[in-house]
Amino acid sequence: MKTCKEFCEQLSDYLDGEIGERECRLIEDHLEVCQPCALLFESLKLTVKICEQGISDEVPPEVRSRLKDFLRKHCKGYQM
């Protein structure tokens, strides 16, 4: 029998469809009876959804310029 921790460690893979049918069923059964894990799973699903909607491939030019200036000022002399 798995612990909540072991189930929770598989939630990302479960969301991504990267685990087998048997493991999926075990997770689903666990989520039906364990409210803390079910809440964690709902939170993870919402987080993924928010991240997918908020990702932009383009950094605005002003932000890019300010970031470069900041890095030049604060990372001077560091080897990266």
N, C-alpha and C. Protein backbone atom coordinates (compact mmCIF):
# COMPACT_ATOMS: atom_id res chain seq x y z
N MET A 1 0.84 -1.19 0.00
CA MET A 1 0.00 0.00 0.00
C MET A 1 0.88 1.25 0.00
N LYS A 2 0.55 2.18 -0.87
CA LYS A 2 1.33 3.41 -0.99
C LYS A 2 0.90 4.44 0.04
N THR A 3 1.83 5.32 0.34
CA THR A 3 1.54 6.43 1.24
C THR A 3 1.08 7.64 0.42
N CYS A 4 0.53 8.61 1.11
CA CYS A 4 0.12 9.85 0.43
C CYS A 4 1.31 10.48 -0.28
N LYS A 5 2.45 10.47 0.36
CA LYS A 5 3.66 11.05 -0.23
C LYS A 5 3.97 10.38 -1.56
N GLU A 6 3.88 9.07 -1.61
CA GLU A 6 4.17 8.34 -2.84
C GLU A 6 3.15 8.68 -3.93
N PHE A 7 1.89 8.83 -3.56
CA PHE A 7 0.88 9.22 -4.54
C PHE A 7 1.17 10.63 -5.05
N CYS A 8 1.47 11.53 -4.12
CA CYS A 8 1.71 12.92 -4.50
C CYS A 8 2.92 13.07 -5.43
N GLU A 9 3.91 12.22 -5.25
CA GLU A 9 5.08 12.26 -6.11
C GLU A 9 4.76 11.88 -7.55
N GLN A 10 3.63 11.24 -7.76
CA GLN A 10 3.23 10.81 -9.11
C GLN A 10 2.22 11.75 -9.76
N LEU A 11 1.75 12.75 -9.06
CA LEU A 11 0.67 13.59 -9.59
C LEU A 11 1.05 14.32 -10.88
N SER A 12 2.26 14.82 -10.97
CA SER A 12 2.67 15.51 -12.20
C SER A 12 2.68 14.56 -13.38
N ASP A 13 3.23 13.37 -13.16
CA ASP A 13 3.25 12.37 -14.23
C ASP A 13 1.83 11.96 -14.60
N TYR A 14 0.95 11.87 -13.62
CA TYR A 14 -0.44 11.53 -13.86
C TYR A 14 -1.10 12.60 -14.73
N LEU A 15 -0.88 13.86 -14.39
CA LEU A 15 -1.45 14.97 -15.17
C LEU A 15 -0.93 14.97 -16.60
N ASP A 16 0.32 14.60 -16.78
CA ASP A 16 0.94 14.60 -18.10
C ASP A 16 0.63 13.33 -18.89
N GLY A 17 -0.08 12.38 -18.26
CA GLY A 17 -0.41 11.13 -18.95
C GLY A 17 0.79 10.23 -19.16
N GLU A 18 1.73 10.30 -18.25
CA GLU A 18 2.99 9.57 -18.40
C GLU A 18 3.07 8.31 -17.53
N ILE A 19 1.95 7.86 -16.97
CA ILE A 19 1.98 6.63 -16.19
C ILE A 19 0.94 5.67 -16.74
N GLY A 20 1.10 4.42 -16.38
CA GLY A 20 0.23 3.38 -16.90
C GLY A 20 -1.18 3.42 -16.35
N GLU A 21 -2.04 2.66 -17.01
CA GLU A 21 -3.46 2.63 -16.66
C GLU A 21 -3.69 2.15 -15.23
N ARG A 22 -2.95 1.14 -14.81
CA ARG A 22 -3.10 0.60 -13.45
C ARG A 22 -2.75 1.66 -12.41
N GLU A 23 -1.63 2.35 -12.61
CA GLU A 23 -1.21 3.39 -11.68
C GLU A 23 -2.22 4.55 -11.67
N CYS A 24 -2.75 4.88 -12.85
CA CYS A 24 -3.77 5.94 -12.93
C CYS A 24 -4.97 5.58 -12.05
N ARG A 25 -5.39 4.35 -12.15
CA ARG A 25 -6.57 3.92 -11.38
C ARG A 25 -6.29 3.97 -9.88
N LEU A 26 -5.08 3.57 -9.49
CA LEU A 26 -4.71 3.63 -8.07
C LEU A 26 -4.73 5.08 -7.56
N ILE A 27 -4.21 6.00 -8.37
CA ILE A 27 -4.21 7.41 -7.99
C ILE A 27 -5.64 7.92 -7.89
N GLU A 28 -6.45 7.61 -8.89
CA GLU A 28 -7.85 8.06 -8.88
C GLU A 28 -8.60 7.52 -7.68
N ASP A 29 -8.37 6.26 -7.35
CA ASP A 29 -9.02 5.68 -6.17
C ASP A 29 -8.58 6.39 -4.90
N HIS A 30 -7.29 6.69 -4.81
CA HIS A 30 -6.76 7.38 -3.64
C HIS A 30 -7.35 8.78 -3.52
N LEU A 31 -7.43 9.50 -4.65
CA LEU A 31 -7.94 10.86 -4.63
C LEU A 31 -9.41 10.92 -4.22
N GLU A 32 -10.13 9.85 -4.46
CA GLU A 32 -11.55 9.79 -4.06
C GLU A 32 -11.73 9.71 -2.55
N VAL A 33 -10.75 9.15 -1.85
CA VAL A 33 -10.91 8.93 -0.41
C VAL A 33 -9.99 9.81 0.45
N CYS A 34 -9.07 10.50 -0.17
CA CYS A 34 -8.10 11.30 0.60
C CYS A 34 -8.24 12.78 0.22
N GLN A 35 -8.94 13.52 1.05
CA GLN A 35 -9.19 14.93 0.75
C GLN A 35 -7.92 15.77 0.67
N PRO A 36 -6.94 15.61 1.56
CA PRO A 36 -5.72 16.42 1.42
C PRO A 36 -5.02 16.20 0.07
N CYS A 37 -4.94 14.95 -0.37
CA CYS A 37 -4.30 14.68 -1.67
C CYS A 37 -5.15 15.23 -2.81
N ALA A 38 -6.47 15.12 -2.69
CA ALA A 38 -7.36 15.65 -3.72
C ALA A 38 -7.21 17.17 -3.82
N LEU A 39 -7.08 17.86 -2.70
CA LEU A 39 -6.88 19.30 -2.71
C LEU A 39 -5.54 19.67 -3.33
N LEU A 40 -4.52 18.91 -3.00
CA LEU A 40 -3.21 19.14 -3.59
C LEU A 40 -3.27 18.95 -5.11
N PHE A 41 -3.97 17.90 -5.54
CA PHE A 41 -4.10 17.62 -6.97
C PHE A 41 -4.84 18.76 -7.68
N GLU A 42 -5.91 19.24 -7.09
CA GLU A 42 -6.67 20.35 -7.69
C GLU A 42 -5.80 21.61 -7.78
N SER A 43 -5.01 21.84 -6.75
CA SER A 43 -4.10 22.98 -6.74
C SER A 43 -3.05 22.84 -7.85
N LEU A 44 -2.52 21.64 -8.02
CA LEU A 44 -1.53 21.39 -9.07
C LEU A 44 -2.15 21.60 -10.45
N LYS A 45 -3.36 21.10 -10.66
CA LYS A 45 -4.04 21.29 -11.95
C LYS A 45 -4.25 22.77 -12.24
N LEU A 46 -4.66 23.52 -11.24
CA LEU A 46 -4.89 24.96 -11.42
C LEU A 46 -3.58 25.68 -11.71
N THR A 47 -2.52 25.32 -11.01
CA THR A 47 -1.22 25.93 -11.23
C THR A 47 -0.74 25.69 -12.66
N VAL A 48 -0.88 24.47 -13.14
CA VAL A 48 -0.48 24.14 -14.51
C VAL A 48 -1.29 24.97 -15.50
N LYS A 49 -2.58 25.07 -15.27
CA LYS A 49 -3.46 25.84 -16.16
C LYS A 49 -3.05 27.30 -16.20
N ILE A 50 -2.79 27.88 -15.04
CA ILE A 50 -2.38 29.28 -14.96
C ILE A 50 -1.05 29.49 -15.68
N CYS A 51 -0.11 28.59 -15.47
CA CYS A 51 1.20 28.71 -16.12
C CYS A 51 1.08 28.60 -17.64
N GLU A 52 0.25 27.69 -18.11
CA GLU A 52 0.07 27.53 -19.54
C GLU A 52 -0.52 28.78 -20.17
N GLN A 53 -1.42 29.44 -19.47
CA GLN A 53 -2.06 30.63 -20.00
C GLN A 53 -1.17 31.87 -19.90
N GLY A 54 -0.26 31.86 -18.96
CA GLY A 54 0.53 33.06 -18.72
C GLY A 54 1.89 33.08 -19.36
N ILE A 55 2.27 32.03 -20.05
CA ILE A 55 3.61 31.98 -20.64
C ILE A 55 3.63 32.76 -21.94
N SER A 56 4.62 33.59 -22.07
CA SER A 56 4.80 34.37 -23.29
C SER A 56 6.20 34.10 -23.82
N ASP A 57 6.30 33.90 -25.10
CA ASP A 57 7.60 33.63 -25.72
C ASP A 57 8.42 34.91 -25.89
N GLU A 58 7.76 36.04 -25.84
CA GLU A 58 8.40 37.30 -26.12
C GLU A 58 8.56 38.11 -24.84
N VAL A 59 9.78 38.54 -24.57
CA VAL A 59 10.03 39.44 -23.44
C VAL A 59 9.96 40.85 -24.01
N PRO A 60 9.14 41.71 -23.42
CA PRO A 60 9.03 43.08 -23.93
C PRO A 60 10.40 43.77 -23.95
N PRO A 61 10.67 44.57 -24.99
CA PRO A 61 11.99 45.21 -25.14
C PRO A 61 12.42 46.01 -23.91
N GLU A 62 11.49 46.73 -23.28
CA GLU A 62 11.84 47.52 -22.10
C GLU A 62 12.32 46.62 -20.96
N VAL A 63 11.63 45.49 -20.76
CA VAL A 63 12.01 44.54 -19.70
C VAL A 63 13.37 43.93 -20.02
N ARG A 64 13.59 43.57 -21.28
CA ARG A 64 14.87 42.99 -21.70
C ARG A 64 16.00 43.97 -21.43
N SER A 65 15.80 45.22 -21.77
CA SER A 65 16.82 46.25 -21.56
C SER A 65 17.11 46.45 -20.08
N ARG A 66 16.06 46.54 -19.26
CA ARG A 66 16.26 46.72 -17.82
C ARG A 66 16.96 45.51 -17.20
N LEU A 67 16.62 44.31 -17.67
CA LEU A 67 17.27 43.11 -17.15
C LEU A 67 18.75 43.09 -17.50
N LYS A 68 19.08 43.43 -18.73
CA LYS A 68 20.49 43.48 -19.14
C LYS A 68 21.26 44.50 -18.32
N ASP A 69 20.67 45.68 -18.12
CA ASP A 69 21.32 46.71 -17.30
C ASP A 69 21.55 46.22 -15.87
N PHE A 70 20.55 45.58 -15.30
CA PHE A 70 20.66 45.05 -13.94
C PHE A 70 21.78 44.02 -13.86
N LEU A 71 21.80 43.10 -14.81
CA LEU A 71 22.82 42.04 -14.79
C LEU A 71 24.22 42.62 -14.97
N ARG A 72 24.37 43.60 -15.87
CA ARG A 72 25.68 44.23 -16.05
C ARG A 72 26.15 44.90 -14.77
N LYS A 73 25.23 45.59 -14.10
CA LYS A 73 25.57 46.33 -12.88
C LYS A 73 25.88 45.40 -11.73
N HIS A 74 25.08 44.34 -11.52
CA HIS A 74 25.20 43.50 -10.33
C HIS A 74 26.04 42.25 -10.51
N CYS A 75 26.36 41.90 -11.72
CA CYS A 75 27.12 40.66 -11.95
C CYS A 75 28.51 40.96 -12.52
N LYS A 76 28.91 42.21 -12.46
CA LYS A 76 30.22 42.60 -12.98
C LYS A 76 31.32 41.84 -12.24
N GLY A 77 32.18 41.22 -13.00
CA GLY A 77 33.29 40.51 -12.39
C GLY A 77 33.03 39.04 -12.06
N TYR A 78 31.79 38.60 -12.17
CA TYR A 78 31.47 37.20 -11.91
C TYR A 78 31.67 36.38 -13.18
N GLN A 79 32.22 35.21 -13.00
CA GLN A 79 32.37 34.28 -14.14
C GLN A 79 31.13 33.42 -14.20
N MET A 80 30.46 33.42 -15.33
CA MET A 80 29.25 32.60 -15.49
C MET A 80 29.45 31.58 -16.56
